[in-house]
Amino acid sequence: MIPVRTIAMYCFDPRASGAAKAVADYFGDEVYPGELVLDEAGRKMGSTATVFPLIVGGGRAADALRSITVSQHLFGIERVVVVHHSFCGATSFTAEGITAAWKNEQHTDISSLYDWDGISIADFEKSLNYDVSLIRNSPGTPKHIEIYGLFYDIDSGELTEVVRDVPAEVA
């Protein structure tokens, strides 16, 4: 029994750890963290959580696409929420800067390894729009799901909706 409906994707920064609960509260019909469901022998058989956290560097979509596909296959999902947060470390560098530093420090060229628009965050609105679009246009994303881009203020815990991509049949 795993009633997951929503994937909340956010950064591994410990200051953003409240994002999944904030997403559950934002939508109102979600549960996080939920309770474990045990069988008669006391084995963990599931959970009542409907929000699953998907934690990746910078909360960027490129790192989450495979997990979205797998989540749909295993559980079926209705919503993916991309959350970027205030004071994120991904705002402290550029794609060019991290690539040059990596080459200098690790002696390896990673310039072709990643999509440059999905590495750093120069502008929260642009990065959320980019990530929502990347998820929507991935063949591994179900066409029926709702996709949101939210900004999480780590000091107040407030979420602000920046992007909403809801298929017409859902809206």
Foldseek 3Di string as FASTA:
>chain_A
DEQAAEEEFAEPPPLCVCVQVLVCVVVVVFDPPFAFDADPVRDGDYGPGHYHYDYDHQLFQVVCLVVQLVCCVPHNYAEYEREGEPPHPLCVDALVGVQVVCCVPVVDGCNPVDDRLRRGPVDLLVRQVVRQVVLCPDPSHDVQHKYWYWYAYSVVRDIDTRDTDHDPVGD
